[in-house]
Amino acid sequence: MPCDSGIPDYRGPNGLWRKDPEAEKLVTYDYYMGDPEIRRRSWQMRRGNRALRAEPNAAHHAIVELERSGVPVRVITQNVDGLHQLAGLPARKVVELHGTAREFICTKCHTRGPMQDALARVEAGEDDPPCLACGGILKSATVMFGERLDPMVLGEALAITKASQIFVAVGTTLQVQPAAGLAGIAADHGARLIIINAEPTPYDEIAD
C-alpha cells in the first residue's frame, strides 16, 4: 500500500533490499550500534526518507471511510510511515508493529521526540546527533533488524487478530515473523482471510 504513496517496498521485484543489499545494514541494530559510519549513513538516509514526505493514498482514505461508516476497523501495520493517522484514522485504532519513523528514540534513556527535531540537527552539521538528555545513541523509533517487537504492541495485535471476523492482509509478502503469522492465527480463529498482494505469499492456500 505505501508504494502508491511513493514509498518503495523492501522485498518486491524492485524492492530496496534487492537493489542495494548493503542498505539493510543501515537498519540492522548491531551494525548501527557498533559502527559510527553506519549511523552517519543512516542519518543521511533518513534525511531523504520518502515516508516523511509522503501523503496518504486512496487505500488509506478508503480505510478511513470504512471506519467512519460504522464498521469496527482496526489496522495492524508493519509500515512505519504514519500515513493511516495522517489520513484521519484515530491513532488508537492503529497498531504499529514496527514502530514509527516519525519519531526518534534514545537507545540508552529511551527519550523520544519528533524525528524532524533530530533531522534539523543533522542539517545543522551533526552527522551522528547524540541524545540531548544523556548523550546516548539516537535511532529511529522503528524496530530494526535484530530487535524484538514490543511485547505489549504484539499482544494487542494478537488480541485484535483473534477477535476479528474478517482479516485483510494488504501489500505484504507475509514472510517476516511474527507479523506474518497473524494471517494464520486469524484463520485458525474463524476469520475470513483475504490477501491482496502483487506477489504470492505463504498463506495463499488458506485464504478465502
N, C-alpha and C. Protein backbone atom coordinates (compact mmCIF):
# COMPACT_ATOMS: atom_id res chain seq x y z
N MET A 1 0.81 -1.22 0.00
CA MET A 1 0.00 0.00 0.00
C MET A 1 0.85 1.27 0.00
N PRO A 2 1.99 1.34 0.73
CA PRO A 2 2.77 2.56 0.69
C PRO A 2 3.39 2.85 -0.66
N CYS A 3 3.51 1.82 -1.52
CA CYS A 3 4.10 2.05 -2.85
C CYS A 3 3.33 3.13 -3.61
N ASP A 4 1.99 3.17 -3.45
CA ASP A 4 1.18 4.15 -4.14
C ASP A 4 1.35 5.55 -3.57
N SER A 5 2.02 5.66 -2.43
CA SER A 5 2.35 6.97 -1.87
C SER A 5 3.80 7.35 -2.19
N GLY A 6 4.42 6.58 -3.08
CA GLY A 6 5.79 6.88 -3.48
C GLY A 6 6.85 6.31 -2.58
N ILE A 7 6.48 5.37 -1.70
CA ILE A 7 7.44 4.75 -0.78
C ILE A 7 7.78 3.37 -1.32
N PRO A 8 9.05 3.10 -1.65
CA PRO A 8 9.39 1.79 -2.20
C PRO A 8 9.23 0.68 -1.18
N ASP A 9 8.91 -0.54 -1.67
CA ASP A 9 8.85 -1.67 -0.75
C ASP A 9 10.25 -2.22 -0.54
N TYR A 10 10.36 -3.28 0.28
CA TYR A 10 11.66 -3.83 0.63
C TYR A 10 12.01 -5.08 -0.14
N ARG A 11 11.02 -5.99 -0.29
CA ARG A 11 11.34 -7.32 -0.82
C ARG A 11 10.69 -7.63 -2.17
N GLY A 12 9.98 -6.68 -2.74
CA GLY A 12 9.36 -6.91 -4.04
C GLY A 12 10.41 -6.96 -5.14
N PRO A 13 9.98 -7.21 -6.38
CA PRO A 13 10.92 -7.33 -7.51
C PRO A 13 11.84 -6.12 -7.65
N ASN A 14 11.32 -4.93 -7.32
CA ASN A 14 12.13 -3.72 -7.39
C ASN A 14 12.38 -3.14 -6.00
N GLY A 15 12.33 -4.03 -5.00
CA GLY A 15 12.45 -3.58 -3.61
C GLY A 15 13.84 -3.08 -3.24
N LEU A 16 13.87 -2.31 -2.15
CA LEU A 16 15.10 -1.66 -1.70
C LEU A 16 16.21 -2.66 -1.44
N TRP A 17 15.89 -3.78 -0.77
CA TRP A 17 16.95 -4.73 -0.42
C TRP A 17 17.52 -5.42 -1.66
N ARG A 18 16.70 -5.59 -2.69
CA ARG A 18 17.21 -6.22 -3.92
C ARG A 18 18.09 -5.26 -4.71
N LYS A 19 17.75 -3.99 -4.67
CA LYS A 19 18.54 -3.00 -5.41
C LYS A 19 19.85 -2.67 -4.69
N ASP A 20 19.82 -2.65 -3.36
CA ASP A 20 21.01 -2.27 -2.59
C ASP A 20 21.06 -3.09 -1.30
N PRO A 21 21.60 -4.33 -1.39
CA PRO A 21 21.67 -5.19 -0.20
C PRO A 21 22.41 -4.55 0.97
N GLU A 22 23.37 -3.66 0.69
CA GLU A 22 24.12 -3.00 1.76
C GLU A 22 23.23 -2.09 2.59
N ALA A 23 22.12 -1.63 2.00
CA ALA A 23 21.22 -0.73 2.71
C ALA A 23 20.63 -1.40 3.94
N GLU A 24 20.54 -2.74 3.91
CA GLU A 24 19.96 -3.45 5.05
C GLU A 24 20.79 -3.25 6.32
N LYS A 25 22.10 -3.03 6.17
CA LYS A 25 22.95 -2.80 7.33
C LYS A 25 22.56 -1.52 8.07
N LEU A 26 22.04 -0.56 7.32
CA LEU A 26 21.70 0.73 7.92
C LEU A 26 20.53 0.62 8.89
N VAL A 27 19.77 -0.47 8.77
CA VAL A 27 18.63 -0.66 9.67
C VAL A 27 18.76 -1.97 10.44
N THR A 28 20.01 -2.42 10.65
CA THR A 28 20.29 -3.61 11.45
C THR A 28 20.93 -3.14 12.76
N TYR A 29 20.33 -3.50 13.88
CA TYR A 29 20.68 -2.93 15.18
C TYR A 29 22.15 -3.08 15.53
N ASP A 30 22.72 -4.27 15.39
CA ASP A 30 24.11 -4.49 15.79
C ASP A 30 25.07 -3.65 14.95
N TYR A 31 24.84 -3.61 13.64
CA TYR A 31 25.68 -2.77 12.79
C TYR A 31 25.55 -1.30 13.20
N TYR A 32 24.31 -0.88 13.44
CA TYR A 32 24.04 0.52 13.77
C TYR A 32 24.71 0.93 15.08
N MET A 33 24.58 0.10 16.10
CA MET A 33 25.14 0.45 17.41
C MET A 33 26.67 0.35 17.43
N GLY A 34 27.23 -0.51 16.59
CA GLY A 34 28.67 -0.76 16.67
C GLY A 34 29.53 0.02 15.71
N ASP A 35 28.92 0.75 14.78
CA ASP A 35 29.71 1.39 13.73
C ASP A 35 29.23 2.83 13.50
N PRO A 36 30.02 3.82 13.93
CA PRO A 36 29.62 5.23 13.75
C PRO A 36 29.39 5.60 12.28
N GLU A 37 30.12 4.96 11.37
CA GLU A 37 29.95 5.26 9.95
C GLU A 37 28.58 4.79 9.46
N ILE A 38 28.13 3.62 9.97
CA ILE A 38 26.78 3.15 9.64
C ILE A 38 25.75 4.14 10.14
N ARG A 39 25.95 4.67 11.35
CA ARG A 39 24.99 5.65 11.89
C ARG A 39 24.99 6.92 11.04
N ARG A 40 26.16 7.39 10.62
CA ARG A 40 26.20 8.59 9.78
C ARG A 40 25.45 8.36 8.48
N ARG A 41 25.66 7.19 7.87
CA ARG A 41 24.96 6.87 6.63
C ARG A 41 23.45 6.73 6.87
N SER A 42 23.09 6.19 8.04
CA SER A 42 21.67 6.03 8.38
C SER A 42 20.98 7.39 8.50
N TRP A 43 21.66 8.35 9.14
CA TRP A 43 21.06 9.67 9.28
C TRP A 43 20.90 10.34 7.92
N GLN A 44 21.84 10.13 7.02
CA GLN A 44 21.70 10.69 5.67
C GLN A 44 20.54 10.02 4.94
N MET A 45 20.37 8.71 5.17
CA MET A 45 19.24 8.01 4.58
C MET A 45 17.93 8.58 5.11
N ARG A 46 17.88 8.89 6.41
CA ARG A 46 16.65 9.44 6.99
C ARG A 46 16.35 10.82 6.41
N ARG A 47 17.37 11.59 6.11
CA ARG A 47 17.15 12.91 5.51
C ARG A 47 16.37 12.79 4.21
N GLY A 48 16.62 11.70 3.47
CA GLY A 48 15.94 11.51 2.21
C GLY A 48 14.76 10.57 2.29
N ASN A 49 14.30 10.28 3.52
CA ASN A 49 13.23 9.31 3.71
C ASN A 49 11.92 9.79 3.10
N ARG A 50 11.47 9.09 2.06
CA ARG A 50 10.23 9.48 1.39
C ARG A 50 9.02 9.36 2.30
N ALA A 51 9.10 8.45 3.28
CA ALA A 51 7.95 8.24 4.16
C ALA A 51 7.59 9.50 4.93
N LEU A 52 8.59 10.34 5.22
CA LEU A 52 8.33 11.55 6.00
C LEU A 52 7.72 12.67 5.14
N ARG A 53 7.77 12.50 3.81
CA ARG A 53 7.19 13.50 2.92
C ARG A 53 5.97 12.96 2.18
N ALA A 54 5.67 11.68 2.38
CA ALA A 54 4.59 11.04 1.64
C ALA A 54 3.21 11.51 2.12
N GLU A 55 2.25 11.35 1.25
CA GLU A 55 0.86 11.67 1.57
C GLU A 55 0.03 10.39 1.49
N PRO A 56 -1.01 10.29 2.30
CA PRO A 56 -1.90 9.11 2.22
C PRO A 56 -2.46 8.96 0.82
N ASN A 57 -2.65 7.70 0.40
CA ASN A 57 -3.22 7.44 -0.92
C ASN A 57 -4.66 6.96 -0.80
N ALA A 58 -5.23 6.55 -1.93
CA ALA A 58 -6.65 6.17 -1.96
C ALA A 58 -6.96 5.02 -1.01
N ALA A 59 -6.02 4.10 -0.83
CA ALA A 59 -6.26 2.97 0.07
C ALA A 59 -6.37 3.43 1.52
N HIS A 60 -5.49 4.34 1.94
CA HIS A 60 -5.57 4.87 3.31
C HIS A 60 -6.92 5.56 3.54
N HIS A 61 -7.34 6.38 2.55
CA HIS A 61 -8.60 7.11 2.69
C HIS A 61 -9.79 6.16 2.67
N ALA A 62 -9.69 5.07 1.91
CA ALA A 62 -10.79 4.09 1.87
C ALA A 62 -10.99 3.44 3.23
N ILE A 63 -9.89 3.15 3.92
CA ILE A 63 -9.99 2.55 5.26
C ILE A 63 -10.64 3.53 6.23
N VAL A 64 -10.27 4.81 6.12
CA VAL A 64 -10.89 5.83 6.97
C VAL A 64 -12.39 5.90 6.70
N GLU A 65 -12.77 5.88 5.43
CA GLU A 65 -14.20 5.93 5.08
C GLU A 65 -14.95 4.72 5.63
N LEU A 66 -14.30 3.55 5.56
CA LEU A 66 -14.92 2.34 6.09
C LEU A 66 -15.13 2.47 7.59
N GLU A 67 -14.13 2.98 8.29
CA GLU A 67 -14.23 3.15 9.75
C GLU A 67 -15.32 4.15 10.11
N ARG A 68 -15.41 5.23 9.34
CA ARG A 68 -16.40 6.26 9.63
C ARG A 68 -17.81 5.82 9.29
N SER A 69 -17.94 4.75 8.47
CA SER A 69 -19.26 4.23 8.13
C SER A 69 -19.86 3.42 9.27
N GLY A 70 -19.05 3.17 10.29
CA GLY A 70 -19.54 2.41 11.44
C GLY A 70 -18.98 1.02 11.56
N VAL A 71 -18.21 0.57 10.58
CA VAL A 71 -17.57 -0.75 10.66
C VAL A 71 -16.45 -0.68 11.70
N PRO A 72 -16.38 -1.64 12.64
CA PRO A 72 -15.33 -1.61 13.67
C PRO A 72 -13.97 -2.02 13.09
N VAL A 73 -13.28 -1.06 12.52
CA VAL A 73 -12.00 -1.31 11.85
C VAL A 73 -10.83 -1.11 12.81
N ARG A 74 -9.89 -2.04 12.77
CA ARG A 74 -8.60 -1.85 13.43
C ARG A 74 -7.51 -2.16 12.41
N VAL A 75 -6.44 -1.38 12.42
CA VAL A 75 -5.34 -1.57 11.48
C VAL A 75 -4.10 -2.03 12.24
N ILE A 76 -3.55 -3.15 11.82
CA ILE A 76 -2.28 -3.65 12.33
C ILE A 76 -1.29 -3.48 11.18
N THR A 77 -0.29 -2.64 11.35
CA THR A 77 0.59 -2.33 10.23
C THR A 77 2.05 -2.61 10.54
N GLN A 78 2.75 -3.09 9.51
CA GLN A 78 4.21 -3.23 9.57
C GLN A 78 4.87 -1.97 9.04
N ASN A 79 4.08 -1.08 8.44
CA ASN A 79 4.63 0.17 7.91
C ASN A 79 4.95 1.13 9.04
N VAL A 80 5.91 2.00 8.80
CA VAL A 80 6.37 2.92 9.84
C VAL A 80 6.16 4.38 9.43
N ASP A 81 5.28 4.58 8.43
CA ASP A 81 5.14 5.90 7.83
C ASP A 81 4.09 6.79 8.47
N GLY A 82 3.21 6.25 9.30
CA GLY A 82 2.19 7.05 9.96
C GLY A 82 1.10 7.56 9.04
N LEU A 83 0.98 6.99 7.84
CA LEU A 83 0.03 7.52 6.86
C LEU A 83 -1.43 7.21 7.21
N HIS A 84 -1.67 6.13 7.93
CA HIS A 84 -3.06 5.86 8.35
C HIS A 84 -3.58 6.98 9.24
N GLN A 85 -2.74 7.43 10.17
CA GLN A 85 -3.14 8.52 11.06
C GLN A 85 -3.28 9.83 10.30
N LEU A 86 -2.36 10.08 9.36
CA LEU A 86 -2.45 11.31 8.56
C LEU A 86 -3.72 11.33 7.72
N ALA A 87 -4.18 10.15 7.32
CA ALA A 87 -5.41 10.08 6.52
C ALA A 87 -6.65 10.35 7.37
N GLY A 88 -6.50 10.26 8.70
CA GLY A 88 -7.64 10.55 9.57
C GLY A 88 -8.09 9.41 10.44
N LEU A 89 -7.41 8.26 10.38
CA LEU A 89 -7.78 7.15 11.25
C LEU A 89 -7.28 7.46 12.67
N PRO A 90 -8.13 7.33 13.69
CA PRO A 90 -7.68 7.62 15.06
C PRO A 90 -6.47 6.77 15.44
N ALA A 91 -5.49 7.40 16.07
CA ALA A 91 -4.25 6.71 16.43
C ALA A 91 -4.51 5.48 17.28
N ARG A 92 -5.57 5.52 18.12
CA ARG A 92 -5.86 4.38 19.00
C ARG A 92 -6.32 3.16 18.22
N LYS A 93 -6.66 3.34 16.95
CA LYS A 93 -7.11 2.22 16.12
C LYS A 93 -6.00 1.66 15.23
N VAL A 94 -4.79 2.21 15.38
CA VAL A 94 -3.65 1.77 14.58
C VAL A 94 -2.60 1.14 15.49
N VAL A 95 -2.24 -0.10 15.20
CA VAL A 95 -1.18 -0.80 15.93
C VAL A 95 0.04 -0.85 15.02
N GLU A 96 1.09 -0.13 15.41
CA GLU A 96 2.31 -0.06 14.60
C GLU A 96 3.32 -1.09 15.11
N LEU A 97 3.28 -2.27 14.48
CA LEU A 97 4.14 -3.37 14.95
C LEU A 97 5.62 -3.02 14.91
N HIS A 98 6.02 -2.28 13.88
CA HIS A 98 7.44 -1.98 13.70
C HIS A 98 7.80 -0.55 14.09
N GLY A 99 6.92 0.10 14.87
CA GLY A 99 7.22 1.43 15.36
C GLY A 99 6.92 2.50 14.32
N THR A 100 7.53 3.68 14.52
CA THR A 100 7.26 4.81 13.65
C THR A 100 8.55 5.53 13.26
N ALA A 101 8.63 5.90 11.99
CA ALA A 101 9.79 6.67 11.50
C ALA A 101 9.62 8.15 11.79
N ARG A 102 8.48 8.53 12.34
CA ARG A 102 8.23 9.94 12.59
C ARG A 102 8.74 10.40 13.95
N GLU A 103 9.35 9.48 14.70
CA GLU A 103 9.96 9.84 15.99
C GLU A 103 11.35 9.22 16.09
N PHE A 104 12.19 9.82 16.95
CA PHE A 104 13.46 9.21 17.31
C PHE A 104 13.36 8.69 18.74
N ILE A 105 14.26 7.79 19.10
CA ILE A 105 14.32 7.29 20.47
C ILE A 105 15.77 7.13 20.88
N CYS A 106 16.08 7.41 22.13
CA CYS A 106 17.42 7.20 22.66
C CYS A 106 17.56 5.74 23.07
N THR A 107 18.62 5.09 22.63
CA THR A 107 18.83 3.68 22.95
C THR A 107 19.27 3.47 24.40
N LYS A 108 19.59 4.56 25.10
CA LYS A 108 20.06 4.44 26.49
C LYS A 108 18.97 4.83 27.50
N CYS A 109 18.42 6.04 27.36
CA CYS A 109 17.44 6.51 28.35
C CYS A 109 16.01 6.47 27.82
N HIS A 110 15.83 6.12 26.54
CA HIS A 110 14.52 5.93 25.90
C HIS A 110 13.73 7.23 25.73
N THR A 111 14.41 8.38 25.82
CA THR A 111 13.77 9.64 25.49
C THR A 111 13.31 9.60 24.04
N ARG A 112 12.10 10.11 23.78
CA ARG A 112 11.55 10.14 22.42
C ARG A 112 11.27 11.58 22.01
N GLY A 113 11.20 11.80 20.71
CA GLY A 113 10.85 13.11 20.21
C GLY A 113 10.59 13.06 18.72
N PRO A 114 10.13 14.18 18.14
CA PRO A 114 9.84 14.20 16.70
C PRO A 114 11.11 13.98 15.88
N MET A 115 11.03 13.13 14.86
CA MET A 115 12.18 12.87 14.01
C MET A 115 12.69 14.17 13.37
N GLN A 116 11.77 15.08 13.06
CA GLN A 116 12.19 16.32 12.42
C GLN A 116 13.16 17.12 13.29
N ASP A 117 13.03 16.99 14.62
CA ASP A 117 13.96 17.69 15.52
C ASP A 117 15.37 17.13 15.37
N ALA A 118 15.48 15.80 15.31
CA ALA A 118 16.79 15.18 15.14
C ALA A 118 17.36 15.49 13.77
N LEU A 119 16.51 15.47 12.74
CA LEU A 119 16.98 15.75 11.39
C LEU A 119 17.44 17.20 11.24
N ALA A 120 16.82 18.10 12.00
CA ALA A 120 17.25 19.50 11.97
C ALA A 120 18.69 19.61 12.50
N ARG A 121 19.04 18.80 13.48
CA ARG A 121 20.41 18.80 14.00
C ARG A 121 21.38 18.25 12.95
N VAL A 122 20.93 17.24 12.22
CA VAL A 122 21.78 16.69 11.15
C VAL A 122 21.99 17.75 10.07
N GLU A 123 20.92 18.44 9.71
CA GLU A 123 21.01 19.50 8.70
C GLU A 123 21.97 20.61 9.16
N ALA A 124 22.03 20.82 10.49
CA ALA A 124 22.89 21.87 11.04
C ALA A 124 24.35 21.43 11.16
N GLY A 125 24.63 20.14 10.84
CA GLY A 125 26.02 19.72 10.82
C GLY A 125 26.39 18.57 11.74
N GLU A 126 25.43 18.08 12.57
CA GLU A 126 25.73 16.94 13.44
C GLU A 126 25.48 15.66 12.64
N ASP A 127 26.56 14.94 12.32
CA ASP A 127 26.37 13.76 11.46
C ASP A 127 25.87 12.54 12.22
N ASP A 128 26.01 12.54 13.57
CA ASP A 128 25.51 11.43 14.40
C ASP A 128 25.05 12.04 15.72
N PRO A 129 23.91 12.74 15.72
CA PRO A 129 23.50 13.52 16.89
C PRO A 129 23.24 12.64 18.12
N PRO A 130 23.90 12.92 19.25
CA PRO A 130 23.64 12.16 20.47
C PRO A 130 22.39 12.67 21.18
N CYS A 131 21.90 11.88 22.12
CA CYS A 131 20.75 12.27 22.94
C CYS A 131 21.10 13.51 23.75
N LEU A 132 20.24 14.51 23.74
CA LEU A 132 20.48 15.73 24.50
C LEU A 132 20.27 15.53 25.99
N ALA A 133 19.57 14.45 26.36
CA ALA A 133 19.31 14.19 27.78
C ALA A 133 20.44 13.43 28.45
N CYS A 134 21.02 12.43 27.73
CA CYS A 134 22.02 11.58 28.40
C CYS A 134 23.26 11.31 27.55
N GLY A 135 23.27 11.78 26.30
CA GLY A 135 24.43 11.54 25.45
C GLY A 135 24.41 10.20 24.74
N GLY A 136 23.33 9.43 24.91
CA GLY A 136 23.24 8.12 24.29
C GLY A 136 23.04 8.19 22.79
N ILE A 137 23.04 7.02 22.15
CA ILE A 137 22.88 6.93 20.70
C ILE A 137 21.40 7.03 20.34
N LEU A 138 21.09 7.91 19.41
CA LEU A 138 19.72 8.05 18.92
C LEU A 138 19.50 7.15 17.71
N LYS A 139 18.27 6.69 17.56
CA LYS A 139 17.87 5.93 16.38
C LYS A 139 16.42 6.26 16.06
N SER A 140 15.99 5.87 14.91
CA SER A 140 14.58 5.99 14.57
C SER A 140 13.77 5.11 15.53
N ALA A 141 12.55 5.54 15.87
CA ALA A 141 11.69 4.77 16.78
C ALA A 141 11.00 3.64 16.03
N THR A 142 11.79 2.96 15.20
CA THR A 142 11.32 1.80 14.45
C THR A 142 12.04 0.56 14.97
N VAL A 143 11.47 -0.59 14.70
CA VAL A 143 12.10 -1.84 15.10
C VAL A 143 13.11 -2.23 14.02
N MET A 144 14.38 -2.20 14.37
CA MET A 144 15.43 -2.57 13.42
C MET A 144 15.56 -4.09 13.35
N PHE A 145 16.20 -4.56 12.27
CA PHE A 145 16.54 -5.97 12.21
C PHE A 145 17.43 -6.29 13.42
N GLY A 146 17.13 -7.40 14.09
CA GLY A 146 17.88 -7.76 15.28
C GLY A 146 17.25 -7.29 16.57
N GLU A 147 16.18 -6.48 16.48
CA GLU A 147 15.44 -6.05 17.67
C GLU A 147 14.14 -6.83 17.77
N ARG A 148 13.69 -7.04 19.02
CA ARG A 148 12.41 -7.71 19.25
C ARG A 148 11.27 -6.70 19.15
N LEU A 149 10.13 -7.20 18.70
CA LEU A 149 8.94 -6.36 18.74
C LEU A 149 8.57 -6.08 20.19
N ASP A 150 7.97 -4.93 20.42
CA ASP A 150 7.47 -4.58 21.74
C ASP A 150 6.40 -5.61 22.13
N PRO A 151 6.60 -6.35 23.23
CA PRO A 151 5.63 -7.40 23.59
C PRO A 151 4.23 -6.86 23.86
N MET A 152 4.11 -5.63 24.36
CA MET A 152 2.79 -5.03 24.59
C MET A 152 2.08 -4.78 23.27
N VAL A 153 2.81 -4.26 22.29
CA VAL A 153 2.24 -3.98 20.98
C VAL A 153 1.85 -5.28 20.29
N LEU A 154 2.72 -6.29 20.36
CA LEU A 154 2.43 -7.58 19.75
C LEU A 154 1.22 -8.24 20.42
N GLY A 155 1.13 -8.10 21.73
CA GLY A 155 0.00 -8.66 22.45
C GLY A 155 -1.32 -8.03 22.03
N GLU A 156 -1.30 -6.72 21.82
CA GLU A 156 -2.51 -6.03 21.35
C GLU A 156 -2.90 -6.53 19.96
N ALA A 157 -1.88 -6.69 19.09
CA ALA A 157 -2.14 -7.17 17.73
C ALA A 157 -2.74 -8.58 17.75
N LEU A 158 -2.23 -9.43 18.63
CA LEU A 158 -2.75 -10.80 18.74
C LEU A 158 -4.20 -10.81 19.19
N ALA A 159 -4.51 -9.97 20.17
CA ALA A 159 -5.88 -9.92 20.68
C ALA A 159 -6.85 -9.46 19.59
N ILE A 160 -6.46 -8.45 18.83
CA ILE A 160 -7.30 -7.95 17.74
C ILE A 160 -7.49 -9.03 16.68
N THR A 161 -6.38 -9.71 16.35
CA THR A 161 -6.42 -10.75 15.32
C THR A 161 -7.37 -11.87 15.70
N LYS A 162 -7.28 -12.35 16.92
CA LYS A 162 -8.11 -13.46 17.37
C LYS A 162 -9.59 -13.10 17.42
N ALA A 163 -9.87 -11.82 17.61
CA ALA A 163 -11.28 -11.39 17.70
C ALA A 163 -11.87 -10.98 16.36
N SER A 164 -11.04 -10.95 15.32
CA SER A 164 -11.52 -10.43 14.03
C SER A 164 -12.44 -11.42 13.32
N GLN A 165 -13.39 -10.89 12.57
CA GLN A 165 -14.28 -11.70 11.73
C GLN A 165 -13.78 -11.75 10.30
N ILE A 166 -13.20 -10.65 9.84
CA ILE A 166 -12.58 -10.57 8.52
C ILE A 166 -11.18 -10.01 8.71
N PHE A 167 -10.17 -10.70 8.19
CA PHE A 167 -8.78 -10.26 8.32
C PHE A 167 -8.24 -10.04 6.90
N VAL A 168 -7.88 -8.80 6.59
CA VAL A 168 -7.40 -8.47 5.25
C VAL A 168 -5.91 -8.13 5.33
N ALA A 169 -5.09 -8.90 4.64
CA ALA A 169 -3.65 -8.63 4.57
C ALA A 169 -3.36 -7.93 3.25
N VAL A 170 -2.89 -6.68 3.33
CA VAL A 170 -2.74 -5.85 2.14
C VAL A 170 -1.28 -5.47 1.92
N GLY A 171 -0.75 -5.74 0.73
CA GLY A 171 0.56 -5.24 0.35
C GLY A 171 1.70 -5.77 1.20
N THR A 172 1.66 -7.06 1.54
CA THR A 172 2.73 -7.66 2.33
C THR A 172 3.04 -9.05 1.80
N THR A 173 4.33 -9.39 1.80
CA THR A 173 4.76 -10.71 1.36
C THR A 173 4.45 -11.79 2.39
N LEU A 174 4.07 -11.38 3.61
CA LEU A 174 3.78 -12.31 4.71
C LEU A 174 4.96 -13.27 4.94
N GLN A 175 6.15 -12.71 4.97
CA GLN A 175 7.35 -13.51 5.18
C GLN A 175 8.05 -13.20 6.51
N VAL A 176 7.82 -12.01 7.05
CA VAL A 176 8.52 -11.60 8.26
C VAL A 176 7.70 -11.98 9.49
N GLN A 177 8.23 -12.88 10.30
CA GLN A 177 7.56 -13.28 11.53
C GLN A 177 8.00 -12.36 12.68
N PRO A 178 7.16 -12.18 13.69
CA PRO A 178 5.88 -12.86 13.91
C PRO A 178 4.68 -12.21 13.21
N ALA A 179 4.91 -11.06 12.58
CA ALA A 179 3.77 -10.34 11.96
C ALA A 179 3.07 -11.20 10.93
N ALA A 180 3.84 -11.92 10.11
CA ALA A 180 3.23 -12.73 9.05
C ALA A 180 2.30 -13.79 9.62
N GLY A 181 2.63 -14.31 10.79
CA GLY A 181 1.84 -15.38 11.39
C GLY A 181 0.44 -14.94 11.80
N LEU A 182 0.20 -13.63 11.86
CA LEU A 182 -1.13 -13.16 12.25
C LEU A 182 -2.19 -13.62 11.26
N ALA A 183 -1.82 -13.75 9.99
CA ALA A 183 -2.78 -14.21 8.99
C ALA A 183 -3.27 -15.62 9.32
N GLY A 184 -2.35 -16.50 9.67
CA GLY A 184 -2.71 -17.87 10.04
C GLY A 184 -3.51 -17.93 11.33
N ILE A 185 -3.14 -17.09 12.29
CA ILE A 185 -3.85 -17.05 13.57
C ILE A 185 -5.30 -16.60 13.35
N ALA A 186 -5.48 -15.59 12.50
CA ALA A 186 -6.84 -15.12 12.21
C ALA A 186 -7.68 -16.23 11.61
N ALA A 187 -7.12 -16.95 10.64
CA ALA A 187 -7.85 -18.05 10.01
C ALA A 187 -8.16 -19.16 11.01
N ASP A 188 -7.20 -19.47 11.88
CA ASP A 188 -7.40 -20.51 12.89
C ASP A 188 -8.52 -20.15 13.86
N HIS A 189 -8.76 -18.85 14.05
CA HIS A 189 -9.80 -18.42 14.99
C HIS A 189 -11.11 -18.06 14.28
N GLY A 190 -11.24 -18.51 13.04
CA GLY A 190 -12.53 -18.40 12.36
C GLY A 190 -12.74 -17.19 11.48
N ALA A 191 -11.72 -16.35 11.33
CA ALA A 191 -11.89 -15.18 10.47
C ALA A 191 -11.80 -15.57 9.00
N ARG A 192 -12.51 -14.83 8.16
CA ARG A 192 -12.31 -14.96 6.72
C ARG A 192 -11.01 -14.23 6.40
N LEU A 193 -10.12 -14.90 5.68
CA LEU A 193 -8.81 -14.34 5.37
C LEU A 193 -8.77 -13.88 3.91
N ILE A 194 -8.47 -12.61 3.71
CA ILE A 194 -8.35 -12.03 2.37
C ILE A 194 -6.93 -11.49 2.22
N ILE A 195 -6.25 -11.89 1.15
CA ILE A 195 -4.87 -11.44 0.91
C ILE A 195 -4.84 -10.66 -0.40
N ILE A 196 -4.32 -9.44 -0.34
CA ILE A 196 -4.18 -8.58 -1.53
C ILE A 196 -2.70 -8.22 -1.65
N ASN A 197 -2.02 -8.82 -2.62
CA ASN A 197 -0.59 -8.58 -2.79
C ASN A 197 -0.18 -8.88 -4.22
N ALA A 198 0.83 -8.19 -4.72
CA ALA A 198 1.27 -8.37 -6.10
C ALA A 198 1.98 -9.69 -6.32
N GLU A 199 2.59 -10.24 -5.26
CA GLU A 199 3.36 -11.48 -5.36
C GLU A 199 2.68 -12.56 -4.51
N PRO A 200 2.95 -13.84 -4.79
CA PRO A 200 2.41 -14.92 -3.95
C PRO A 200 2.90 -14.82 -2.52
N THR A 201 2.13 -15.35 -1.58
CA THR A 201 2.54 -15.38 -0.17
C THR A 201 2.41 -16.80 0.35
N PRO A 202 3.08 -17.10 1.47
CA PRO A 202 2.99 -18.45 2.04
C PRO A 202 1.60 -18.82 2.56
N TYR A 203 0.70 -17.83 2.66
CA TYR A 203 -0.62 -18.06 3.25
C TYR A 203 -1.73 -18.10 2.20
N ASP A 204 -1.37 -18.07 0.91
CA ASP A 204 -2.38 -18.02 -0.13
C ASP A 204 -3.33 -19.23 -0.08
N GLU A 205 -2.82 -20.39 0.24
CA GLU A 205 -3.63 -21.60 0.21
C GLU A 205 -4.74 -21.61 1.25
N ILE A 206 -4.56 -20.87 2.34
CA ILE A 206 -5.60 -20.88 3.37
C ILE A 206 -6.51 -19.64 3.27
N ALA A 207 -6.24 -18.79 2.30
CA ALA A 207 -7.04 -17.58 2.15
C ALA A 207 -8.42 -17.90 1.55
N ASP A 208 -9.40 -17.14 2.00
CA ASP A 208 -10.75 -17.29 1.45
C ASP A 208 -10.88 -16.60 0.11
